[in-house]
């Protein structure tokens, strides 16, 4: 199925039912009085984050969603039946925007997380409601209110801990296959990855993380070259970027490994500036791939020269994705990094608790 990460749909909540104009009519009771019931509430439209969905492709075929309206009230004080709410399932990681105002309505990052996108209309009032001592036979009712109607823009951002960056054919997909159970397409030509791929790296019980691979970037991607930069949004939720580079061609004097790295960094900066995604502020590790096809002495010279030219200060890992050389050490380092980040976040939350919190809670609970 084709990967789709954007969709536009229209939603319409149900209208409220009208109130009833009715009077009690029974034998021997000529003036029974008003007995018109209220109208039912219209159904609302909800979006629910659902595991097992990983694309917005279904919304290419069904773009309009209508909840049921409430029924009109009846005589004998019978209220109209409320309209059934409409539940629309979307993938976890879906962001919901109002298409007209670009207001963010909801960011569904947890399974079963729900957001109401169209409120059902209230039911009208029957004439019984307007009965009083001075108006014992009211002929007044109110109509049901219309339900909300709006156009939504859905945007899917995959949920991953680590994102892979690099030029086409840098070996990102091969790396993902070697460290996880994911099976992205691998071939000896550019742009074999046409949409984001996710893989879960498991290092034991309770130790796992998710890696996202996106199509390779080339120079001018921010202007639409290659597959463009539309898939960079899927790295917005990641905590760490792995910049994968292919060392194999760099015995050729015409090749420039540092320039290739700067190309990716430039596109990353351009995207962050245009969208405010701040991908350029994420920690980025350098992963030099395909080291098994270069002689050790040549590899050492190339890597040393590269780091000096870039004045690289961050972590560097030398791996071979196809033979899995160095991949276990890299995954272990990632797991330690993510655990440390999680611990730091928890400590920050703990420290943010007011110092007088204990005093405020004294007496709340019995001894």
Protein backbone atom coordinates (compact mmCIF):
# COMPACT_ATOMS: atom_id res chain seq x y z
CA UNK A 1 0.00 0.00 0.00
CA UNK A 2 1.28 3.44 -0.91
CA UNK A 3 2.44 5.43 2.09
CA UNK A 4 0.40 8.58 2.64
CA UNK A 5 1.31 11.01 5.38
CA UNK A 6 -1.15 13.83 4.65
CA UNK A 7 -4.87 13.88 4.02
CA UNK A 8 -7.72 16.36 4.02
CA UNK A 9 -11.20 15.33 5.15
CA UNK A 10 -14.47 17.03 6.01
CA UNK A 11 -16.44 16.16 9.12
CA UNK A 12 -20.01 17.06 9.96
CA UNK A 13 -21.61 16.41 13.32
CA UNK A 14 -25.28 15.50 13.51
CA UNK A 15 -27.92 18.19 13.87
CA UNK A 16 -30.05 18.30 16.98
CA UNK A 17 -33.66 17.14 16.68
CA UNK A 18 -36.46 19.68 16.90
CA UNK A 19 -38.68 19.99 19.96
CA UNK A 20 -42.25 18.67 19.63
CA UNK A 21 -45.42 20.75 19.65
CA UNK A 22 -48.01 18.44 21.21
CA UNK A 23 -50.95 18.50 23.61
CA UNK A 24 -52.35 15.69 25.67
CA UNK A 25 -55.45 14.27 24.02
CA UNK A 26 -57.34 11.63 25.98
CA UNK A 27 -60.97 10.77 26.48
CA UNK A 28 -62.69 12.82 29.18
CA UNK A 29 -59.63 15.11 29.42
CA UNK A 30 -60.44 18.00 27.07
CA UNK A 31 -57.60 20.22 28.26
CA UNK A 32 -54.72 17.89 28.92
CA UNK A 33 -52.07 20.53 28.49
CA UNK A 34 -48.77 20.48 26.59
CA UNK A 35 -46.77 17.25 26.42
CA UNK A 36 -44.23 17.88 23.65
CA UNK A 37 -40.83 16.33 24.32
CA UNK A 38 -37.37 17.71 23.57
CA UNK A 39 -35.36 16.79 20.49
CA UNK A 40 -32.36 14.47 20.69
CA UNK A 41 -28.75 15.61 20.60
CA UNK A 42 -26.85 15.19 17.35
CA UNK A 43 -23.92 12.77 17.21
CA UNK A 44 -20.39 14.12 17.50
CA UNK A 45 -17.33 13.12 15.46
CA UNK A 46 -14.24 11.79 17.25
CA UNK A 47 -10.79 10.80 16.01
CA UNK A 48 -9.15 7.92 17.89
CA UNK A 49 -5.47 6.92 17.65
CA UNK A 50 -5.35 3.24 16.79
CA UNK A 51 -2.45 0.78 16.82
CA UNK A 52 -2.01 -1.26 13.66
CA UNK A 53 -2.58 1.68 11.30
CA UNK A 54 0.54 3.23 9.78
CA UNK A 55 -0.79 5.27 6.90
CA UNK A 56 -3.50 7.79 6.03
CA UNK A 57 -4.14 6.03 2.72
CA UNK A 58 -7.74 5.13 3.58
CA UNK A 59 -8.65 8.80 3.61
CA UNK A 60 -7.88 9.03 -0.11
CA UNK A 61 -11.09 7.10 -0.79
CA UNK A 62 -13.43 8.35 1.95
CA UNK A 63 -13.11 12.07 2.58
CA UNK A 64 -16.46 12.99 4.13
CA UNK A 65 -17.64 11.81 7.53
CA UNK A 66 -21.16 12.52 8.78
CA UNK A 67 -22.50 11.67 12.24
CA UNK A 68 -26.18 10.90 12.71
CA UNK A 69 -28.62 13.61 13.72
CA UNK A 70 -30.93 13.57 16.73
CA UNK A 71 -34.57 12.67 16.31
CA UNK A 72 -37.47 15.04 16.81
CA UNK A 73 -39.26 14.90 20.16
CA UNK A 74 -42.69 13.32 20.43
CA UNK A 75 -45.91 13.62 22.33
CA UNK A 76 -46.44 12.22 25.81
CA UNK A 77 -43.20 13.90 26.90
CA UNK A 78 -41.11 11.60 24.72
CA UNK A 79 -37.63 12.96 24.01
CA UNK A 80 -36.08 12.29 20.63
CA UNK A 81 -33.30 9.71 20.42
CA UNK A 82 -29.80 11.16 20.35
CA UNK A 83 -27.70 10.60 17.26
CA UNK A 84 -24.92 8.02 17.44
CA UNK A 85 -21.40 9.42 17.71
CA UNK A 86 -19.04 8.69 14.82
CA UNK A 87 -15.61 7.24 15.66
CA UNK A 88 -12.91 7.67 13.00
CA UNK A 89 -9.71 5.65 13.49
CA UNK A 90 -6.36 7.25 12.63
CA UNK A 91 -2.75 6.08 13.08
CA UNK A 92 -0.88 6.86 16.28
CA UNK A 93 1.22 9.95 15.60
CA UNK A 94 -1.48 11.84 13.66
CA UNK A 95 -1.66 15.61 14.07
CA UNK A 96 -5.06 17.18 13.41
CA UNK A 97 -5.33 20.73 12.05
CA UNK A 98 -8.25 22.92 11.08
CA UNK A 99 -7.70 23.33 7.33
CA UNK A 100 -9.01 26.92 7.27
CA UNK A 101 -7.26 28.39 10.33
CA UNK A 102 -4.29 25.97 10.62
CA UNK A 103 -5.12 25.66 14.32
CA UNK A 104 -3.75 22.48 15.90
CA UNK A 105 -6.77 20.63 17.25
CA UNK A 106 -5.01 17.54 18.58
CA UNK A 107 -1.76 15.58 18.53
CA UNK A 108 -2.58 11.89 18.93
CA UNK A 109 0.63 10.34 20.23
CA UNK A 110 -0.79 7.60 22.47
CA UNK A 111 -2.92 4.55 21.58
CA UNK A 112 -6.65 5.12 22.22
CA UNK A 113 -6.08 8.86 22.64
CA UNK A 114 -9.24 10.64 21.49
CA UNK A 115 -10.07 14.14 20.28
CA UNK A 116 -13.47 15.55 19.40
CA UNK A 117 -13.36 17.35 16.06
CA UNK A 118 -17.05 18.18 15.54
CA UNK A 119 -19.59 18.72 18.32
CA UNK A 120 -23.14 17.47 17.79
CA UNK A 121 -25.95 20.02 17.86
CA UNK A 122 -28.15 20.40 20.93
CA UNK A 123 -31.72 19.19 20.69
CA UNK A 124 -34.59 21.68 20.56
CA UNK A 125 -37.07 22.21 23.38
CA UNK A 126 -40.61 20.89 23.27
CA UNK A 127 -43.57 23.08 24.18
CA UNK A 128 -43.81 21.47 27.64
CA UNK A 129 -40.72 23.41 28.62
CA UNK A 130 -42.51 26.73 28.09
CA UNK A 131 -45.53 25.91 30.26
CA UNK A 132 -46.12 28.38 33.08
CA UNK A 133 -48.90 29.62 35.31
CA UNK A 134 -49.65 32.40 32.86
CA UNK A 135 -49.18 30.33 29.72
CA UNK A 136 -50.69 26.92 30.24
CA UNK A 137 -51.03 26.07 26.54
CA UNK A 138 -47.77 27.23 24.96
CA UNK A 139 -47.31 26.76 21.24
CA UNK A 140 -43.65 27.63 21.34
CA UNK A 141 -40.83 25.20 20.57
CA UNK A 142 -37.21 25.57 19.55
CA UNK A 143 -35.47 23.89 16.65
CA UNK A 144 -32.42 21.71 17.10
CA UNK A 145 -29.06 23.39 16.63
CA UNK A 146 -26.90 22.38 13.66
CA UNK A 147 -23.84 20.26 14.31
CA UNK A 148 -20.33 21.54 13.73
CA UNK A 149 -18.91 21.20 10.23
CA UNK A 150 -15.24 21.72 9.39
CA UNK A 151 -12.48 20.63 7.08
CA UNK A 152 -9.50 18.93 8.71
CA UNK A 153 -5.93 18.43 7.58
CA UNK A 154 -4.37 15.25 8.94
CA UNK A 155 -0.61 14.96 9.12
CA UNK A 156 1.16 11.80 10.18
CA UNK A 157 4.49 11.96 11.99
CA UNK A 158 5.82 8.53 12.84
CA UNK A 159 6.87 7.86 16.43
CA UNK A 160 10.49 6.82 16.69
CA UNK A 161 13.37 7.30 19.12
CA UNK A 162 16.12 7.42 16.49
CA UNK A 163 16.13 8.74 12.93
CA UNK A 164 18.45 7.81 10.05
CA UNK A 165 19.86 10.53 7.76
CA UNK A 166 22.04 10.21 4.71
CA UNK A 167 22.46 10.35 0.95
CA UNK A 168 20.77 7.73 -1.24
CA UNK A 169 22.58 4.38 -1.13
CA UNK A 170 24.42 5.25 2.10
CA UNK A 171 23.19 1.94 3.55
CA UNK A 172 20.45 3.20 5.86
CA UNK A 173 17.95 0.51 4.85
CA UNK A 174 20.58 -2.21 5.16
CA UNK A 175 21.44 -0.93 8.63
CA UNK A 176 17.75 -1.01 9.62
CA UNK A 177 17.43 -4.60 8.39
CA UNK A 178 20.56 -5.70 10.25
CA UNK A 179 19.57 -4.35 13.68
CA UNK A 180 15.79 -4.93 13.62
CA UNK A 181 13.10 -7.19 12.17
CA UNK A 182 12.11 -4.56 9.61
CA UNK A 183 12.45 -5.54 5.94
CA UNK A 184 12.80 -2.34 3.90
CA UNK A 185 13.64 -2.70 0.22
CA UNK A 186 17.38 -2.81 -0.51
CA UNK A 187 18.80 -2.47 -4.02
CA UNK A 188 21.84 -1.11 -5.83
CA UNK A 189 20.24 2.09 -7.09
CA UNK A 190 19.19 5.41 -5.49
CA UNK A 191 15.85 6.00 -3.79
CA UNK A 192 14.95 2.40 -3.07
CA UNK A 193 13.30 3.78 0.08
CA UNK A 194 10.23 5.68 -1.05
CA UNK A 195 8.51 6.16 2.31
CA UNK A 196 9.45 6.02 6.00
CA UNK A 197 10.23 2.61 7.45
CA UNK A 198 10.16 1.74 11.15
CA UNK A 199 12.12 -0.95 12.95
CA UNK A 200 12.20 -2.02 16.59
CA UNK A 201 15.65 -2.76 17.97
CA UNK A 202 15.44 -5.20 20.89
CA UNK A 203 18.43 -5.60 23.20
CA UNK A 204 16.73 -7.71 25.83
CA UNK A 205 13.75 -7.59 28.15
CA UNK A 206 12.71 -3.98 28.70
CA UNK A 207 15.47 -2.64 26.44
CA UNK A 208 14.27 -1.60 23.02
CA UNK A 209 13.92 1.46 20.84
CA UNK A 210 12.43 2.39 17.48
CA UNK A 211 14.44 3.55 14.45
CA UNK A 212 12.92 5.46 11.53
CA UNK A 213 14.47 5.38 8.06
CA UNK A 214 13.43 8.02 5.54
CA UNK A 215 14.25 8.42 1.82
CA UNK A 216 17.75 9.71 1.15
CA UNK A 217 18.40 13.42 0.77
CA UNK A 218 20.37 15.05 -2.03
CA UNK A 219 21.55 18.58 -2.65
CA UNK A 220 18.58 20.80 -3.43
CA UNK A 221 16.12 18.57 -1.58
CA UNK A 222 14.67 21.64 0.17
CA UNK A 223 13.75 22.93 -3.31
CA UNK A 224 12.17 19.63 -4.36
CA UNK A 225 15.14 17.78 -5.84
CA UNK A 226 15.00 13.99 -5.53
CA UNK A 227 12.12 13.10 -3.25
CA UNK A 228 12.35 16.49 -1.57
CA UNK A 229 12.30 16.96 2.19
CA UNK A 230 8.64 16.18 2.87
CA UNK A 231 9.60 13.08 4.87
CA UNK A 232 11.86 15.00 7.27
CA UNK A 233 8.78 15.73 9.36
CA UNK A 234 8.92 12.11 10.52
CA UNK A 235 12.16 12.84 12.36
CA UNK A 236 10.57 15.66 14.37
CA UNK A 237 9.65 13.36 17.25
CA UNK A 238 13.00 11.57 17.42
CA UNK A 239 15.55 12.12 20.17
CA UNK A 240 18.69 11.25 18.20
CA UNK A 241 19.80 11.38 14.57
CA UNK A 242 22.25 8.92 13.03
CA UNK A 243 24.01 10.49 10.05
CA UNK A 244 24.98 7.49 7.90
CA UNK A 245 27.74 8.00 5.30
CA UNK A 246 29.17 5.54 2.78
CA UNK A 247 32.96 5.30 2.97
CA UNK A 248 33.27 2.88 0.01
CA UNK A 249 33.65 5.40 -2.89
CA UNK A 250 36.20 7.57 -1.14
CA UNK A 251 39.34 5.99 -2.50
CA UNK A 252 38.44 8.11 -5.53
CA UNK A 253 40.06 11.54 -5.39
CA UNK A 254 36.97 13.13 -6.96
CA UNK A 255 34.80 12.02 -4.04
CA UNK A 256 34.47 14.33 -1.06
CA UNK A 257 33.06 12.72 2.07
CA UNK A 258 33.05 15.98 4.05
CA UNK A 259 31.16 17.78 1.29
CA UNK A 260 28.51 15.05 1.23
CA UNK A 261 28.04 15.43 4.98
CA UNK A 262 27.73 19.22 4.65
CA UNK A 263 25.08 18.71 1.96
CA UNK A 264 22.83 16.83 4.38
CA UNK A 265 23.47 19.33 7.17
CA UNK A 266 22.56 22.22 4.86
CA UNK A 267 19.25 20.61 3.89
CA UNK A 268 18.53 19.88 7.56
CA UNK A 269 19.18 23.51 8.50
CA UNK A 270 17.04 24.75 5.62
CA UNK A 271 14.12 22.56 6.64
CA UNK A 272 14.39 23.61 10.29
CA UNK A 273 14.46 27.28 9.34
CA UNK A 274 11.41 26.99 7.10
CA UNK A 275 9.27 24.85 9.42
CA UNK A 276 10.56 25.60 12.91
CA UNK A 277 10.99 21.85 13.49
CA UNK A 278 14.42 22.38 15.15
CA UNK A 279 15.88 19.19 13.68
CA UNK A 280 19.19 21.02 13.52
CA UNK A 281 19.24 21.11 17.34
CA UNK A 282 18.89 17.36 17.82
CA UNK A 283 21.99 15.38 18.80
CA UNK A 284 23.56 13.86 15.69
CA UNK A 285 26.01 10.96 15.63
CA UNK A 286 28.24 10.17 12.67
CA UNK A 287 27.97 6.55 11.45
CA UNK A 288 30.58 5.61 8.85
CA UNK A 289 29.20 2.62 6.96
CA UNK A 290 30.65 -0.07 4.64
CA UNK A 291 34.01 -0.06 6.42
CA UNK A 292 34.59 -3.71 5.48
CA UNK A 293 35.24 -2.80 1.81
CA UNK A 294 38.14 -0.45 2.65
CA UNK A 295 41.58 -1.49 3.86
CA UNK A 296 42.16 -0.70 7.54
CA UNK A 297 45.07 1.66 6.87
CA UNK A 298 43.07 3.55 4.23
CA UNK A 299 40.02 3.71 6.48
CA UNK A 300 42.01 5.18 9.36
CA UNK A 301 43.46 7.89 7.10
CA UNK A 302 40.07 8.74 5.58
CA UNK A 303 38.27 8.93 8.93
CA UNK A 304 41.02 10.97 10.61
CA UNK A 305 41.13 13.45 7.72
CA UNK A 306 37.33 13.70 7.69
CA UNK A 307 37.00 14.47 11.39
CA UNK A 308 39.73 17.08 11.19
CA UNK A 309 38.16 18.80 8.19
CA UNK A 310 34.70 18.85 9.81
CA UNK A 311 36.10 19.63 13.27
CA UNK A 312 33.69 16.96 14.43
CA UNK A 313 33.12 16.88 18.20
CA UNK A 314 30.32 14.33 18.47
CA UNK A 315 30.35 10.52 18.68
CA UNK A 316 31.66 8.58 15.67
CA UNK A 317 30.94 4.90 14.91
CA UNK A 318 32.49 2.77 12.19
CA UNK A 319 30.21 -0.06 11.08
CA UNK A 320 29.38 -2.41 8.27
CA UNK A 321 25.63 -2.85 8.14
CA UNK A 322 25.69 -5.82 5.78
CA UNK A 323 28.14 -7.83 7.92
CA UNK A 324 26.84 -6.30 11.18
CA UNK A 325 30.35 -5.24 12.15
CA UNK A 326 30.09 -2.63 14.92
CA UNK A 327 26.28 -2.48 14.85
CA UNK A 328 25.86 -4.10 18.27
CA UNK A 329 28.18 -1.57 19.90
CA UNK A 330 26.28 1.27 18.23
CA UNK A 331 22.88 -0.05 19.39
CA UNK A 332 24.17 -0.47 22.95
CA UNK A 333 25.41 3.13 22.94
CA UNK A 334 22.03 4.33 21.66
CA UNK A 335 20.20 2.44 24.41
CA UNK A 336 22.45 3.99 27.08
CA UNK A 337 21.89 7.43 25.57
CA UNK A 338 18.09 7.05 25.52
CA UNK A 339 18.01 5.69 29.09
CA UNK A 340 20.13 8.60 30.31
CA UNK A 341 17.84 11.06 28.53
CA UNK A 342 14.76 9.45 30.06
CA UNK A 343 16.33 9.54 33.52
CA UNK A 344 17.24 13.21 33.09
CA UNK A 345 13.68 14.04 32.03
CA UNK A 346 12.25 12.22 35.06
CA UNK A 347 14.64 14.02 37.41
CA UNK A 348 13.69 17.35 35.85
CA UNK A 349 10.02 16.63 36.46
CA UNK A 350 10.77 15.63 40.04
CA UNK A 351 12.80 18.77 40.70
CA UNK A 352 10.03 20.92 39.28
CA UNK A 353 7.68 19.89 42.13
CA UNK A 354 7.26 22.91 44.48
CA UNK A 355 9.29 22.69 47.66
CA UNK A 356 6.18 23.30 49.75
CA UNK A 357 4.30 20.44 48.07
CA UNK A 358 4.56 18.25 51.17
CA UNK A 359 3.23 21.03 53.35
CA UNK A 360 0.30 21.56 50.99
CA UNK A 361 -0.67 17.90 51.12
CA UNK A 362 -0.47 17.50 54.89
CA UNK A 363 -3.75 16.29 56.31
CA UNK A 364 -5.04 15.05 52.96
CA UNK A 365 -4.55 11.41 53.83
CA UNK A 366 -5.20 9.57 57.09
CA UNK A 367 -2.20 8.24 59.02
